[in-house]
Amino acid sequence: MTTPKYTPGPYRIEEITPGYARYDIVTTIDGQNYRVANVFGETEDNAKANAALIAAAPDLYALLSEINRTFYGDGSFKAMKAVMEKTKPLLEKARGEHTA
């Protein structure tokens, strides 16, 4: 499998200026913080939702890769069910409903 070229996660959301619908997406590598993205929105809620989706991107990529490997590898119902059960909390995270 090809190694992803994006900045590795996990990503976290940091509010830039409270009340201004602006967030940074940040990761820490070897003790150094790196800004991955600067996120804006039309409203505060929209900006938070955009930030949550972007912050979940590395985890979404990892799970999609796992689903792909499971489907084309083992492919059994039991294996697919086990990997698909991981989708609910990750989708909640992408929607900003889950912070862990």
Protein backbone atom coordinates (compact mmCIF):
# COMPACT_ATOMS: atom_id res chain seq x y z
CA MET A 1 0.00 0.00 0.00
CA THR A 2 1.19 3.51 -0.78
CA THR A 3 2.17 5.65 2.21
CA PRO A 4 -0.04 8.75 2.52
CA LYS A 5 1.71 12.05 1.82
CA TYR A 6 -0.42 14.19 4.11
CA THR A 7 0.78 15.38 7.53
CA PRO A 8 0.19 12.50 9.95
CA GLY A 9 -2.44 12.83 12.67
CA PRO A 10 -3.99 12.85 15.05
CA TYR A 11 -5.28 16.34 14.35
CA ARG A 12 -6.84 18.57 16.98
CA ILE A 13 -8.92 21.72 16.78
CA GLU A 14 -7.71 24.97 18.32
CA GLU A 15 -9.90 28.06 18.40
CA ILE A 16 -8.01 31.07 17.04
CA THR A 17 -10.18 33.91 18.30
CA PRO A 18 -13.30 33.05 20.31
CA GLY A 19 -16.49 34.14 18.57
CA TYR A 20 -14.92 34.76 15.14
CA ALA A 21 -15.61 31.42 13.42
CA ARG A 22 -11.90 30.67 12.90
CA TYR A 23 -10.05 27.53 13.92
CA ASP A 24 -6.65 25.95 13.38
CA ILE A 25 -6.22 22.24 12.77
CA VAL A 26 -2.99 21.27 14.53
CA THR A 27 -0.88 18.16 15.02
CA THR A 28 2.22 17.52 17.11
CA ILE A 29 5.22 15.72 15.64
CA ASP A 30 8.31 15.09 17.79
CA GLY A 31 7.10 17.65 20.33
CA GLN A 32 6.62 20.39 17.72
CA ASN A 33 3.15 21.75 16.87
CA TYR A 34 2.28 22.12 13.19
CA ARG A 35 -0.72 23.91 11.72
CA VAL A 36 -2.30 21.68 9.11
CA ALA A 37 -5.16 23.98 8.17
CA ASN A 38 -6.83 27.25 9.02
CA VAL A 39 -10.60 26.81 8.97
CA PHE A 40 -13.29 29.43 8.54
CA GLY A 41 -17.04 29.33 8.20
CA GLU A 42 -20.03 31.50 7.45
CA THR A 43 -21.17 31.05 11.06
CA GLU A 44 -19.58 29.78 14.27
CA ASP A 45 -21.49 26.49 13.97
CA ASN A 46 -20.42 26.10 10.34
CA ALA A 47 -16.76 26.77 11.19
CA LYS A 48 -16.85 24.24 14.05
CA ALA A 49 -18.41 21.63 11.74
CA ASN A 50 -15.77 22.29 9.06
CA ALA A 51 -13.00 21.98 11.65
CA ALA A 52 -14.43 18.73 13.06
CA LEU A 53 -14.58 17.15 9.61
CA ILE A 54 -11.01 18.16 8.73
CA ALA A 55 -9.67 17.09 12.14
CA ALA A 56 -11.21 13.63 11.62
CA ALA A 57 -9.61 13.20 8.16
CA PRO A 58 -6.60 11.04 9.19
CA ASP A 59 -8.86 8.71 11.18
CA LEU A 60 -11.39 8.57 8.34
CA TYR A 61 -8.60 7.68 5.90
CA ALA A 62 -7.27 4.97 8.22
CA LEU A 63 -10.71 3.41 8.68
CA LEU A 64 -11.51 3.51 4.98
CA SER A 65 -8.18 1.78 4.32
CA GLU A 66 -9.03 -0.86 6.93
CA ILE A 67 -12.47 -1.43 5.38
CA ASN A 68 -10.84 -1.83 1.97
CA ARG A 69 -8.24 -4.31 3.27
CA THR A 70 -10.90 -6.30 5.14
CA PHE A 71 -13.31 -6.44 2.20
CA TYR A 72 -10.69 -7.48 -0.31
CA GLY A 73 -8.73 -9.62 2.17
CA ASP A 74 -10.80 -11.75 4.55
CA GLY A 75 -14.16 -10.53 3.28
CA SER A 76 -16.11 -12.59 5.80
CA PHE A 77 -19.26 -11.21 7.34
CA LYS A 78 -17.71 -11.40 10.83
CA ALA A 79 -14.61 -9.45 9.76
CA MET A 80 -16.64 -6.82 7.90
CA LYS A 81 -19.04 -6.40 10.83
CA ALA A 82 -16.12 -5.87 13.22
CA VAL A 83 -14.55 -3.16 11.06
CA MET A 84 -17.90 -1.50 10.26
CA GLU A 85 -18.67 -1.15 13.98
CA LYS A 86 -15.80 1.36 14.10
CA THR A 87 -17.61 3.69 11.71
CA LYS A 88 -20.24 5.04 14.13
CA PRO A 89 -17.88 6.77 16.61
CA LEU A 90 -15.72 8.06 13.78
CA LEU A 91 -18.70 9.55 11.95
CA GLU A 92 -19.73 11.17 15.26
CA LYS A 93 -16.23 12.64 15.54
CA ALA A 94 -16.42 13.98 11.96
CA ARG A 95 -19.74 15.62 12.82
CA GLY A 96 -18.23 17.19 15.94
CA GLU A 97 -20.39 15.08 18.26
CA HIS A 98 -17.51 13.06 19.73
CA THR A 99 -14.27 14.52 21.07
CA ALA A 100 -12.23 11.44 22.02
